mmCIF file of all heavy atoms, coordinates in Angstrom:
data_MODEL
# 
_entry.id   MODEL 
# 
loop_
_atom_site.group_PDB 
_atom_site.id 
_atom_site.type_symbol 
_atom_site.label_atom_id 
_atom_site.label_alt_id 
_atom_site.label_comp_id 
_atom_site.label_asym_id 
_atom_site.label_entity_id 
_atom_site.label_seq_id 
_atom_site.pdbx_PDB_ins_code 
_atom_site.Cartn_x 
_atom_site.Cartn_y 
_atom_site.Cartn_z 
_atom_site.occupancy 
_atom_site.B_iso_or_equiv 
_atom_site.pdbx_formal_charge 
_atom_site.auth_seq_id 
_atom_site.auth_comp_id 
_atom_site.auth_asym_id 
_atom_site.auth_atom_id 
_atom_site.pdbx_PDB_model_num 
ATOM 1   N N   . GLN A 1 1  ? 4.502   5.826   -8.171  1.00 0.00 ? 1  GLN A N   1 
ATOM 2   C CA  . GLN A 1 1  ? 3.677   6.538   -7.351  1.00 0.00 ? 1  GLN A CA  1 
ATOM 3   C C   . GLN A 1 1  ? 4.308   7.783   -6.797  1.00 0.00 ? 1  GLN A C   1 
ATOM 4   O O   . GLN A 1 1  ? 3.747   8.853   -6.662  1.00 0.00 ? 1  GLN A O   1 
ATOM 5   C CB  . GLN A 1 1  ? 3.107   5.547   -6.250  1.00 0.00 ? 1  GLN A CB  1 
ATOM 6   C CG  . GLN A 1 1  ? 2.076   6.230   -5.396  1.00 0.00 ? 1  GLN A CG  1 
ATOM 7   C CD  . GLN A 1 1  ? 2.686   6.951   -4.108  1.00 0.00 ? 1  GLN A CD  1 
ATOM 8   O OE1 . GLN A 1 1  ? 3.779   6.645   -3.678  1.00 0.00 ? 1  GLN A OE1 1 
ATOM 9   N NE2 . GLN A 1 1  ? 1.875   7.826   -3.554  1.00 0.00 ? 1  GLN A NE2 1 
ATOM 10  N N   . SER A 1 2  ? 5.652   7.574   -6.380  1.00 0.00 ? 2  SER A N   1 
ATOM 11  C CA  . SER A 1 2  ? 6.328   8.742   -5.887  1.00 0.00 ? 2  SER A CA  1 
ATOM 12  C C   . SER A 1 2  ? 6.578   9.753   -6.932  1.00 0.00 ? 2  SER A C   1 
ATOM 13  O O   . SER A 1 2  ? 6.480   10.987  -6.607  1.00 0.00 ? 2  SER A O   1 
ATOM 14  C CB  . SER A 1 2  ? 7.671   8.164   -5.309  1.00 0.00 ? 2  SER A CB  1 
ATOM 15  O OG  . SER A 1 2  ? 7.537   7.345   -4.289  1.00 0.00 ? 2  SER A OG  1 
ATOM 16  N N   . GLU A 1 3  ? 6.906   9.376   -8.150  1.00 0.00 ? 3  GLU A N   1 
ATOM 17  C CA  . GLU A 1 3  ? 7.186   10.347  -9.141  1.00 0.00 ? 3  GLU A CA  1 
ATOM 18  C C   . GLU A 1 3  ? 5.884   11.173  -9.547  1.00 0.00 ? 3  GLU A C   1 
ATOM 19  O O   . GLU A 1 3  ? 5.987   12.399  -9.723  1.00 0.00 ? 3  GLU A O   1 
ATOM 20  C CB  . GLU A 1 3  ? 7.648   9.587   -10.529 1.00 0.00 ? 3  GLU A CB  1 
ATOM 21  C CG  . GLU A 1 3  ? 7.834   10.491  -11.642 1.00 0.00 ? 3  GLU A CG  1 
ATOM 22  C CD  . GLU A 1 3  ? 8.106   9.694   -12.960 1.00 0.00 ? 3  GLU A CD  1 
ATOM 23  O OE1 . GLU A 1 3  ? 8.466   8.578   -12.781 1.00 0.00 ? 3  GLU A OE1 1 
ATOM 24  O OE2 . GLU A 1 3  ? 8.053   10.293  -14.009 1.00 0.00 ? 3  GLU A OE2 1 
ATOM 25  N N   . PHE A 1 4  ? 4.705   10.501  -9.625  1.00 0.00 ? 4  PHE A N   1 
ATOM 26  C CA  . PHE A 1 4  ? 3.539   11.255  -9.902  1.00 0.00 ? 4  PHE A CA  1 
ATOM 27  C C   . PHE A 1 4  ? 2.979   11.964  -8.733  1.00 0.00 ? 4  PHE A C   1 
ATOM 28  O O   . PHE A 1 4  ? 2.125   12.887  -8.862  1.00 0.00 ? 4  PHE A O   1 
ATOM 29  C CB  . PHE A 1 4  ? 2.493   10.191  -10.510 1.00 0.00 ? 4  PHE A CB  1 
ATOM 30  C CG  . PHE A 1 4  ? 2.718   9.891   -11.919 1.00 0.00 ? 4  PHE A CG  1 
ATOM 31  C CD1 . PHE A 1 4  ? 3.514   8.864   -12.274 1.00 0.00 ? 4  PHE A CD1 1 
ATOM 32  C CD2 . PHE A 1 4  ? 2.137   10.612  -12.937 1.00 0.00 ? 4  PHE A CD2 1 
ATOM 33  C CE1 . PHE A 1 4  ? 3.737   8.454   -13.632 1.00 0.00 ? 4  PHE A CE1 1 
ATOM 34  C CE2 . PHE A 1 4  ? 2.341   10.283  -14.231 1.00 0.00 ? 4  PHE A CE2 1 
ATOM 35  C CZ  . PHE A 1 4  ? 3.120   9.228   -14.592 1.00 0.00 ? 4  PHE A CZ  1 
ATOM 36  N N   . GLY A 1 5  ? 3.344   11.538  -7.487  1.00 0.00 ? 5  GLY A N   1 
ATOM 37  C CA  . GLY A 1 5  ? 2.722   12.104  -6.293  1.00 0.00 ? 5  GLY A CA  1 
ATOM 38  C C   . GLY A 1 5  ? 1.321   11.883  -6.146  1.00 0.00 ? 5  GLY A C   1 
ATOM 39  O O   . GLY A 1 5  ? 0.618   12.666  -5.451  1.00 0.00 ? 5  GLY A O   1 
ATOM 40  N N   . ILE A 1 6  ? 0.767   10.852  -6.738  1.00 0.00 ? 6  ILE A N   1 
ATOM 41  C CA  . ILE A 1 6  ? -0.638  10.649  -6.718  1.00 0.00 ? 6  ILE A CA  1 
ATOM 42  C C   . ILE A 1 6  ? -1.059  9.828   -5.537  1.00 0.00 ? 6  ILE A C   1 
ATOM 43  O O   . ILE A 1 6  ? -0.402  8.834   -5.146  1.00 0.00 ? 6  ILE A O   1 
ATOM 44  C CB  . ILE A 1 6  ? -0.986  9.921   -8.030  1.00 0.00 ? 6  ILE A CB  1 
ATOM 45  C CG1 . ILE A 1 6  ? -2.596  9.908   -8.237  1.00 0.00 ? 6  ILE A CG1 1 
ATOM 46  C CG2 . ILE A 1 6  ? -0.468  8.551   -8.143  1.00 0.00 ? 6  ILE A CG2 1 
ATOM 47  C CD1 . ILE A 1 6  ? -3.007  9.402   -9.618  1.00 0.00 ? 6  ILE A CD1 1 
ATOM 48  N N   . THR A 1 7  ? -2.236  10.180  -4.959  1.00 0.00 ? 7  THR A N   1 
ATOM 49  C CA  . THR A 1 7  ? -2.775  9.456   -3.908  1.00 0.00 ? 7  THR A CA  1 
ATOM 50  C C   . THR A 1 7  ? -3.158  8.076   -4.344  1.00 0.00 ? 7  THR A C   1 
ATOM 51  O O   . THR A 1 7  ? -3.974  7.878   -5.191  1.00 0.00 ? 7  THR A O   1 
ATOM 52  C CB  . THR A 1 7  ? -4.020  10.159  -3.184  1.00 0.00 ? 7  THR A CB  1 
ATOM 53  O OG1 . THR A 1 7  ? -3.594  11.475  -2.866  1.00 0.00 ? 7  THR A OG1 1 
ATOM 54  C CG2 . THR A 1 7  ? -4.549  9.379   -2.041  1.00 0.00 ? 7  THR A CG2 1 
ATOM 55  N N   . THR A 1 8  ? -2.613  6.964   -3.683  1.00 0.00 ? 8  THR A N   1 
ATOM 56  C CA  . THR A 1 8  ? -2.813  5.600   -4.174  1.00 0.00 ? 8  THR A CA  1 
ATOM 57  C C   . THR A 1 8  ? -3.425  4.699   -3.051  1.00 0.00 ? 8  THR A C   1 
ATOM 58  O O   . THR A 1 8  ? -2.910  4.616   -1.952  1.00 0.00 ? 8  THR A O   1 
ATOM 59  C CB  . THR A 1 8  ? -1.442  5.036   -4.675  1.00 0.00 ? 8  THR A CB  1 
ATOM 60  O OG1 . THR A 1 8  ? -1.054  5.931   -5.830  1.00 0.00 ? 8  THR A OG1 1 
ATOM 61  C CG2 . THR A 1 8  ? -1.698  3.642   -5.210  1.00 0.00 ? 8  THR A CG2 1 
ATOM 62  N N   . LEU A 1 9  ? -4.478  3.951   -3.489  1.00 0.00 ? 9  LEU A N   1 
ATOM 63  C CA  . LEU A 1 9  ? -5.068  2.910   -2.690  1.00 0.00 ? 9  LEU A CA  1 
ATOM 64  C C   . LEU A 1 9  ? -4.748  1.557   -3.323  1.00 0.00 ? 9  LEU A C   1 
ATOM 65  O O   . LEU A 1 9  ? -5.060  1.405   -4.448  1.00 0.00 ? 9  LEU A O   1 
ATOM 66  C CB  . LEU A 1 9  ? -6.525  3.152   -2.424  1.00 0.00 ? 9  LEU A CB  1 
ATOM 67  C CG  . LEU A 1 9  ? -6.859  3.901   -1.178  1.00 0.00 ? 9  LEU A CG  1 
ATOM 68  C CD1 . LEU A 1 9  ? -6.592  5.358   -1.347  1.00 0.00 ? 9  LEU A CD1 1 
ATOM 69  C CD2 . LEU A 1 9  ? -8.430  3.649   -0.811  1.00 0.00 ? 9  LEU A CD2 1 
ATOM 70  N N   . TYR A 1 10 ? -4.105  0.695   -2.601  1.00 0.00 ? 10 TYR A N   1 
ATOM 71  C CA  . TYR A 1 10 ? -3.585  -0.504  -3.091  1.00 0.00 ? 10 TYR A CA  1 
ATOM 72  C C   . TYR A 1 10 ? -4.193  -1.747  -2.306  1.00 0.00 ? 10 TYR A C   1 
ATOM 73  O O   . TYR A 1 10 ? -4.098  -1.728  -1.046  1.00 0.00 ? 10 TYR A O   1 
ATOM 74  C CB  . TYR A 1 10 ? -2.083  -0.581  -2.957  1.00 0.00 ? 10 TYR A CB  1 
ATOM 75  C CG  . TYR A 1 10 ? -1.449  -1.665  -3.597  1.00 0.00 ? 10 TYR A CG  1 
ATOM 76  C CD1 . TYR A 1 10 ? -0.854  -1.614  -4.901  1.00 0.00 ? 10 TYR A CD1 1 
ATOM 77  C CD2 . TYR A 1 10 ? -1.143  -2.899  -2.900  1.00 0.00 ? 10 TYR A CD2 1 
ATOM 78  C CE1 . TYR A 1 10 ? -0.179  -2.642  -5.443  1.00 0.00 ? 10 TYR A CE1 1 
ATOM 79  C CE2 . TYR A 1 10 ? -0.462  -3.921  -3.548  1.00 0.00 ? 10 TYR A CE2 1 
ATOM 80  C CZ  . TYR A 1 10 ? 0.101   -3.854  -4.795  1.00 0.00 ? 10 TYR A CZ  1 
ATOM 81  O OH  . TYR A 1 10 ? 0.711   -4.777  -5.431  1.00 0.00 ? 10 TYR A OH  1 
ATOM 82  N N   . VAL A 1 11 ? -4.865  -2.576  -2.977  1.00 0.00 ? 11 VAL A N   1 
ATOM 83  C CA  . VAL A 1 11 ? -5.419  -3.764  -2.287  1.00 0.00 ? 11 VAL A CA  1 
ATOM 84  C C   . VAL A 1 11 ? -4.676  -5.011  -2.500  1.00 0.00 ? 11 VAL A C   1 
ATOM 85  O O   . VAL A 1 11 ? -4.235  -5.294  -3.599  1.00 0.00 ? 11 VAL A O   1 
ATOM 86  C CB  . VAL A 1 11 ? -6.874  -3.987  -2.890  1.00 0.00 ? 11 VAL A CB  1 
ATOM 87  C CG1 . VAL A 1 11 ? -7.423  -5.404  -2.527  1.00 0.00 ? 11 VAL A CG1 1 
ATOM 88  C CG2 . VAL A 1 11 ? -7.832  -2.994  -2.338  1.00 0.00 ? 11 VAL A CG2 1 
ATOM 89  N N   . THR A 1 12 ? -4.343  -5.632  -1.450  1.00 0.00 ? 12 THR A N   1 
ATOM 90  C CA  . THR A 1 12 ? -3.577  -6.993  -1.566  1.00 0.00 ? 12 THR A CA  1 
ATOM 91  C C   . THR A 1 12 ? -3.841  -7.799  -0.372  1.00 0.00 ? 12 THR A C   1 
ATOM 92  O O   . THR A 1 12 ? -4.210  -7.346  0.759   1.00 0.00 ? 12 THR A O   1 
ATOM 93  C CB  . THR A 1 12 ? -2.011  -6.640  -1.621  1.00 0.00 ? 12 THR A CB  1 
ATOM 94  O OG1 . THR A 1 12 ? -1.379  -7.856  -1.814  1.00 0.00 ? 12 THR A OG1 1 
ATOM 95  C CG2 . THR A 1 12 ? -1.495  -6.024  -0.335  1.00 0.00 ? 12 THR A CG2 1 
ATOM 96  N N   . HIS A 1 13 ? -3.570  -9.154  -0.513  1.00 0.00 ? 13 HIS A N   1 
ATOM 97  C CA  . HIS A 1 13 ? -3.622  -10.086 0.657   1.00 0.00 ? 13 HIS A CA  1 
ATOM 98  C C   . HIS A 1 13 ? -2.155  -10.399 0.964   1.00 0.00 ? 13 HIS A C   1 
ATOM 99  O O   . HIS A 1 13 ? -1.930  -11.226 1.914   1.00 0.00 ? 13 HIS A O   1 
ATOM 100 C CB  . HIS A 1 13 ? -4.459  -11.339 0.261   1.00 0.00 ? 13 HIS A CB  1 
ATOM 101 C CG  . HIS A 1 13 ? -3.779  -12.082 -0.864  1.00 0.00 ? 13 HIS A CG  1 
ATOM 102 N ND1 . HIS A 1 13 ? -4.157  -11.863 -2.171  1.00 0.00 ? 13 HIS A ND1 1 
ATOM 103 C CD2 . HIS A 1 13 ? -2.891  -13.118 -0.850  1.00 0.00 ? 13 HIS A CD2 1 
ATOM 104 C CE1 . HIS A 1 13 ? -3.460  -12.727 -2.970  1.00 0.00 ? 13 HIS A CE1 1 
ATOM 105 N NE2 . HIS A 1 13 ? -2.674  -13.505 -2.141  1.00 0.00 ? 13 HIS A NE2 1 
ATOM 106 N N   . ASP A 1 14 ? -1.181  -9.858  0.210   1.00 0.00 ? 14 ASP A N   1 
ATOM 107 C CA  . ASP A 1 14 ? 0.185   -10.312 0.425   1.00 0.00 ? 14 ASP A CA  1 
ATOM 108 C C   . ASP A 1 14 ? 0.827   -9.303  1.431   1.00 0.00 ? 14 ASP A C   1 
ATOM 109 O O   . ASP A 1 14 ? 0.943   -8.129  1.172   1.00 0.00 ? 14 ASP A O   1 
ATOM 110 C CB  . ASP A 1 14 ? 0.912   -10.108 -0.867  1.00 0.00 ? 14 ASP A CB  1 
ATOM 111 C CG  . ASP A 1 14 ? 2.359   -10.713 -0.879  1.00 0.00 ? 14 ASP A CG  1 
ATOM 112 O OD1 . ASP A 1 14 ? 3.124   -10.161 0.068   1.00 0.00 ? 14 ASP A OD1 1 
ATOM 113 O OD2 . ASP A 1 14 ? 2.781   -11.346 -1.781  1.00 0.00 ? 14 ASP A OD2 1 
ATOM 114 N N   . GLN A 1 15 ? 1.170   -9.847  2.637   1.00 0.00 ? 15 GLN A N   1 
ATOM 115 C CA  . GLN A 1 15 ? 1.685   -8.962  3.698   1.00 0.00 ? 15 GLN A CA  1 
ATOM 116 C C   . GLN A 1 15 ? 3.050   -8.407  3.315   1.00 0.00 ? 15 GLN A C   1 
ATOM 117 O O   . GLN A 1 15 ? 3.285   -7.311  3.701   1.00 0.00 ? 15 GLN A O   1 
ATOM 118 C CB  . GLN A 1 15 ? 1.857   -9.792  4.967   1.00 0.00 ? 15 GLN A CB  1 
ATOM 119 C CG  . GLN A 1 15 ? 0.580   -10.558 5.392   1.00 0.00 ? 15 GLN A CG  1 
ATOM 120 C CD  . GLN A 1 15 ? 0.758   -12.016 5.337   1.00 0.00 ? 15 GLN A CD  1 
ATOM 121 O OE1 . GLN A 1 15 ? 1.663   -12.620 5.861   1.00 0.00 ? 15 GLN A OE1 1 
ATOM 122 N NE2 . GLN A 1 15 ? -0.237  -12.670 4.776   1.00 0.00 ? 15 GLN A NE2 1 
ATOM 123 N N   . ASP A 1 16 ? 3.892   -9.145  2.550   1.00 0.00 ? 16 ASP A N   1 
ATOM 124 C CA  . ASP A 1 16 ? 5.214   -8.632  2.222   1.00 0.00 ? 16 ASP A CA  1 
ATOM 125 C C   . ASP A 1 16 ? 4.985   -7.409  1.294   1.00 0.00 ? 16 ASP A C   1 
ATOM 126 O O   . ASP A 1 16 ? 5.710   -6.354  1.471   1.00 0.00 ? 16 ASP A O   1 
ATOM 127 C CB  . ASP A 1 16 ? 5.980   -9.744  1.527   1.00 0.00 ? 16 ASP A CB  1 
ATOM 128 C CG  . ASP A 1 16 ? 7.439   -9.261  1.472   1.00 0.00 ? 16 ASP A CG  1 
ATOM 129 O OD1 . ASP A 1 16 ? 8.021   -8.774  2.388   1.00 0.00 ? 16 ASP A OD1 1 
ATOM 130 O OD2 . ASP A 1 16 ? 8.090   -9.616  0.407   1.00 0.00 ? 16 ASP A OD2 1 
ATOM 131 N N   . GLU A 1 17 ? 4.046   -7.521  0.343   1.00 0.00 ? 17 GLU A N   1 
ATOM 132 C CA  . GLU A 1 17 ? 3.805   -6.346  -0.524  1.00 0.00 ? 17 GLU A CA  1 
ATOM 133 C C   . GLU A 1 17 ? 3.405   -5.087  0.351   1.00 0.00 ? 17 GLU A C   1 
ATOM 134 O O   . GLU A 1 17 ? 3.909   -4.011  0.130   1.00 0.00 ? 17 GLU A O   1 
ATOM 135 C CB  . GLU A 1 17 ? 2.678   -6.652  -1.471  1.00 0.00 ? 17 GLU A CB  1 
ATOM 136 C CG  . GLU A 1 17 ? 3.130   -7.300  -2.790  1.00 0.00 ? 17 GLU A CG  1 
ATOM 137 C CD  . GLU A 1 17 ? 1.934   -7.563  -3.735  1.00 0.00 ? 17 GLU A CD  1 
ATOM 138 O OE1 . GLU A 1 17 ? 0.962   -6.883  -3.642  1.00 0.00 ? 17 GLU A OE1 1 
ATOM 139 O OE2 . GLU A 1 17 ? 2.080   -8.465  -4.585  1.00 0.00 ? 17 GLU A OE2 1 
ATOM 140 N N   . ALA A 1 18 ? 2.495   -5.427  1.277   1.00 0.00 ? 18 ALA A N   1 
ATOM 141 C CA  . ALA A 1 18 ? 2.029   -4.286  2.054   1.00 0.00 ? 18 ALA A CA  1 
ATOM 142 C C   . ALA A 1 18 ? 3.048   -3.579  2.899   1.00 0.00 ? 18 ALA A C   1 
ATOM 143 O O   . ALA A 1 18 ? 3.141   -2.406  2.954   1.00 0.00 ? 18 ALA A O   1 
ATOM 144 C CB  . ALA A 1 18 ? 0.851   -4.743  2.963   1.00 0.00 ? 18 ALA A CB  1 
ATOM 145 N N   . LEU A 1 19 ? 3.892   -4.442  3.516   1.00 0.00 ? 19 LEU A N   1 
ATOM 146 C CA  . LEU A 1 19 ? 4.938   -3.883  4.353   1.00 0.00 ? 19 LEU A CA  1 
ATOM 147 C C   . LEU A 1 19 ? 6.018   -3.143  3.683   1.00 0.00 ? 19 LEU A C   1 
ATOM 148 O O   . LEU A 1 19 ? 6.545   -2.236  4.040   1.00 0.00 ? 19 LEU A O   1 
ATOM 149 C CB  . LEU A 1 19 ? 5.580   -5.027  5.126   1.00 0.00 ? 19 LEU A CB  1 
ATOM 150 C CG  . LEU A 1 19 ? 4.742   -5.649  6.237   1.00 0.00 ? 19 LEU A CG  1 
ATOM 151 C CD1 . LEU A 1 19 ? 5.381   -6.941  6.837   1.00 0.00 ? 19 LEU A CD1 1 
ATOM 152 C CD2 . LEU A 1 19 ? 4.357   -4.698  7.405   1.00 0.00 ? 19 LEU A CD2 1 
ATOM 153 N N   . THR A 1 20 ? 6.368   -3.707  2.390   1.00 0.00 ? 20 THR A N   1 
ATOM 154 C CA  . THR A 1 20 ? 7.550   -2.965  1.723   1.00 0.00 ? 20 THR A CA  1 
ATOM 155 C C   . THR A 1 20 ? 7.054   -1.799  0.876   1.00 0.00 ? 20 THR A C   1 
ATOM 156 O O   . THR A 1 20 ? 7.938   -0.940  0.569   1.00 0.00 ? 20 THR A O   1 
ATOM 157 C CB  . THR A 1 20 ? 8.147   -4.055  0.691   1.00 0.00 ? 20 THR A CB  1 
ATOM 158 O OG1 . THR A 1 20 ? 7.129   -4.528  -0.132  1.00 0.00 ? 20 THR A OG1 1 
ATOM 159 C CG2 . THR A 1 20 ? 8.789   -5.152  1.463   1.00 0.00 ? 20 THR A CG2 1 
ATOM 160 N N   . MET A 1 21 ? 5.725   -1.705  0.519   1.00 0.00 ? 21 MET A N   1 
ATOM 161 C CA  . MET A 1 21 ? 5.376   -0.580  -0.474  1.00 0.00 ? 21 MET A CA  1 
ATOM 162 C C   . MET A 1 21 ? 4.657   0.572   0.227   1.00 0.00 ? 21 MET A C   1 
ATOM 163 O O   . MET A 1 21 ? 4.571   1.640   -0.260  1.00 0.00 ? 21 MET A O   1 
ATOM 164 C CB  . MET A 1 21 ? 4.435   -1.168  -1.566  1.00 0.00 ? 21 MET A CB  1 
ATOM 165 C CG  . MET A 1 21 ? 5.174   -2.199  -2.363  1.00 0.00 ? 21 MET A CG  1 
ATOM 166 S SD  . MET A 1 21 ? 4.083   -3.036  -3.495  1.00 0.00 ? 21 MET A SD  1 
ATOM 167 C CE  . MET A 1 21 ? 3.667   -1.662  -4.633  1.00 0.00 ? 21 MET A CE  1 
ATOM 168 N N   . SER A 1 22 ? 4.045   0.354   1.378   1.00 0.00 ? 22 SER A N   1 
ATOM 169 C CA  . SER A 1 22 ? 2.992   1.168   1.934   1.00 0.00 ? 22 SER A CA  1 
ATOM 170 C C   . SER A 1 22 ? 3.648   2.395   2.795   1.00 0.00 ? 22 SER A C   1 
ATOM 171 O O   . SER A 1 22 ? 4.654   2.105   3.514   1.00 0.00 ? 22 SER A O   1 
ATOM 172 C CB  . SER A 1 22 ? 1.999   0.425   2.749   1.00 0.00 ? 22 SER A CB  1 
ATOM 173 O OG  . SER A 1 22 ? 1.535   -0.644  2.055   1.00 0.00 ? 22 SER A OG  1 
ATOM 174 N N   . ASP A 1 23 ? 2.988   3.500   2.781   1.00 0.00 ? 23 ASP A N   1 
ATOM 175 C CA  . ASP A 1 23 ? 3.198   4.523   3.805   1.00 0.00 ? 23 ASP A CA  1 
ATOM 176 C C   . ASP A 1 23 ? 2.337   4.153   5.054   1.00 0.00 ? 23 ASP A C   1 
ATOM 177 O O   . ASP A 1 23 ? 2.929   4.248   6.101   1.00 0.00 ? 23 ASP A O   1 
ATOM 178 C CB  . ASP A 1 23 ? 2.797   5.919   3.251   1.00 0.00 ? 23 ASP A CB  1 
ATOM 179 C CG  . ASP A 1 23 ? 3.580   6.326   2.051   1.00 0.00 ? 23 ASP A CG  1 
ATOM 180 O OD1 . ASP A 1 23 ? 4.835   6.229   2.174   1.00 0.00 ? 23 ASP A OD1 1 
ATOM 181 O OD2 . ASP A 1 23 ? 3.077   6.930   1.079   1.00 0.00 ? 23 ASP A OD2 1 
ATOM 182 N N   . ARG A 1 24 ? 1.102   3.695   4.805   1.00 0.00 ? 24 ARG A N   1 
ATOM 183 C CA  . ARG A 1 24 ? 0.276   3.269   5.863   1.00 0.00 ? 24 ARG A CA  1 
ATOM 184 C C   . ARG A 1 24 ? -0.524  2.141   5.367   1.00 0.00 ? 24 ARG A C   1 
ATOM 185 O O   . ARG A 1 24 ? -0.703  1.975   4.206   1.00 0.00 ? 24 ARG A O   1 
ATOM 186 C CB  . ARG A 1 24 ? -0.561  4.406   6.436   1.00 0.00 ? 24 ARG A CB  1 
ATOM 187 C CG  . ARG A 1 24 ? 0.069   5.349   7.335   1.00 0.00 ? 24 ARG A CG  1 
ATOM 188 C CD  . ARG A 1 24 ? -0.878  6.305   8.176   1.00 0.00 ? 24 ARG A CD  1 
ATOM 189 N NE  . ARG A 1 24 ? -1.837  6.909   7.257   1.00 0.00 ? 24 ARG A NE  1 
ATOM 190 C CZ  . ARG A 1 24 ? -3.042  7.187   7.669   1.00 0.00 ? 24 ARG A CZ  1 
ATOM 191 N NH1 . ARG A 1 24 ? -3.534  6.945   8.839   1.00 0.00 ? 24 ARG A NH1 1 
ATOM 192 N NH2 . ARG A 1 24 ? -3.850  7.878   6.767   1.00 0.00 ? 24 ARG A NH2 1 
ATOM 193 N N   . ILE A 1 25 ? -0.952  1.292   6.304   1.00 0.00 ? 25 ILE A N   1 
ATOM 194 C CA  . ILE A 1 25 ? -1.786  0.110   6.047   1.00 0.00 ? 25 ILE A CA  1 
ATOM 195 C C   . ILE A 1 25 ? -3.058  0.087   6.952   1.00 0.00 ? 25 ILE A C   1 
ATOM 196 O O   . ILE A 1 25 ? -3.055  0.330   8.079   1.00 0.00 ? 25 ILE A O   1 
ATOM 197 C CB  . ILE A 1 25 ? -0.998  -1.143  6.357   1.00 0.00 ? 25 ILE A CB  1 
ATOM 198 C CG1 . ILE A 1 25 ? 0.269   -1.212  5.464   1.00 0.00 ? 25 ILE A CG1 1 
ATOM 199 C CG2 . ILE A 1 25 ? -1.798  -2.456  6.101   1.00 0.00 ? 25 ILE A CG2 1 
ATOM 200 C CD1 . ILE A 1 25 ? 1.281   -2.263  5.999   1.00 0.00 ? 25 ILE A CD1 1 
ATOM 201 N N   . ALA A 1 26 ? -4.159  -0.325  6.263   1.00 0.00 ? 26 ALA A N   1 
ATOM 202 C CA  . ALA A 1 26 ? -5.355  -0.716  7.046   1.00 0.00 ? 26 ALA A CA  1 
ATOM 203 C C   . ALA A 1 26 ? -5.637  -2.241  6.880   1.00 0.00 ? 26 ALA A C   1 
ATOM 204 O O   . ALA A 1 26 ? -5.720  -2.691  5.835   1.00 0.00 ? 26 ALA A O   1 
ATOM 205 C CB  . ALA A 1 26 ? -6.625  0.023   6.496   1.00 0.00 ? 26 ALA A CB  1 
ATOM 206 N N   . VAL A 1 27 ? -5.662  -2.872  8.007   1.00 0.00 ? 27 VAL A N   1 
ATOM 207 C CA  . VAL A 1 27 ? -5.806  -4.372  8.078   1.00 0.00 ? 27 VAL A CA  1 
ATOM 208 C C   . VAL A 1 27 ? -7.275  -4.685  8.275   1.00 0.00 ? 27 VAL A C   1 
ATOM 209 O O   . VAL A 1 27 ? -7.846  -4.226  9.242   1.00 0.00 ? 27 VAL A O   1 
ATOM 210 C CB  . VAL A 1 27 ? -4.944  -5.005  9.086   1.00 0.00 ? 27 VAL A CB  1 
ATOM 211 C CG1 . VAL A 1 27 ? -5.124  -6.639  9.073   1.00 0.00 ? 27 VAL A CG1 1 
ATOM 212 C CG2 . VAL A 1 27 ? -3.511  -4.641  9.024   1.00 0.00 ? 27 VAL A CG2 1 
ATOM 213 N N   . PHE A 1 28 ? -7.833  -5.407  7.265   1.00 0.00 ? 28 PHE A N   1 
ATOM 214 C CA  . PHE A 1 28 ? -9.302  -5.642  7.231   1.00 0.00 ? 28 PHE A CA  1 
ATOM 215 C C   . PHE A 1 28 ? -9.463  -7.098  7.798   1.00 0.00 ? 28 PHE A C   1 
ATOM 216 O O   . PHE A 1 28 ? -8.671  -7.970  7.487   1.00 0.00 ? 28 PHE A O   1 
ATOM 217 C CB  . PHE A 1 28 ? -9.885  -5.535  5.838   1.00 0.00 ? 28 PHE A CB  1 
ATOM 218 C CG  . PHE A 1 28 ? -10.299 -4.104  5.483   1.00 0.00 ? 28 PHE A CG  1 
ATOM 219 C CD1 . PHE A 1 28 ? -9.320  -3.266  5.271   1.00 0.00 ? 28 PHE A CD1 1 
ATOM 220 C CD2 . PHE A 1 28 ? -11.624 -3.832  5.254   1.00 0.00 ? 28 PHE A CD2 1 
ATOM 221 C CE1 . PHE A 1 28 ? -9.730  -1.914  4.820   1.00 0.00 ? 28 PHE A CE1 1 
ATOM 222 C CE2 . PHE A 1 28 ? -12.000 -2.595  4.769   1.00 0.00 ? 28 PHE A CE2 1 
ATOM 223 C CZ  . PHE A 1 28 ? -11.024 -1.634  4.655   1.00 0.00 ? 28 PHE A CZ  1 
ATOM 224 N N   . ASN A 1 29 ? -10.556 -7.308  8.453   1.00 0.00 ? 29 ASN A N   1 
ATOM 225 C CA  . ASN A 1 29 ? -10.956 -8.626  8.868   1.00 0.00 ? 29 ASN A CA  1 
ATOM 226 C C   . ASN A 1 29 ? -12.564 -8.634  9.052   1.00 0.00 ? 29 ASN A C   1 
ATOM 227 O O   . ASN A 1 29 ? -13.122 -7.920  9.820   1.00 0.00 ? 29 ASN A O   1 
ATOM 228 C CB  . ASN A 1 29 ? -10.391 -8.909  10.310  1.00 0.00 ? 29 ASN A CB  1 
ATOM 229 C CG  . ASN A 1 29 ? -10.803 -10.345 10.803  1.00 0.00 ? 29 ASN A CG  1 
ATOM 230 O OD1 . ASN A 1 29 ? -11.080 -11.174 10.049  1.00 0.00 ? 29 ASN A OD1 1 
ATOM 231 N ND2 . ASN A 1 29 ? -10.806 -10.467 12.064  1.00 0.00 ? 29 ASN A ND2 1 
# 
C-alpha cells in the first residue's frame, strides 16, 4: 500500500490487524 500510494479501505474484525496496519480507524457498532 505504501509503495503504490493507493488509498486503501480495509475491513476487519481483528483489532490487532487494525492497530498495526492502519493510519486511521473507524470503529463500527
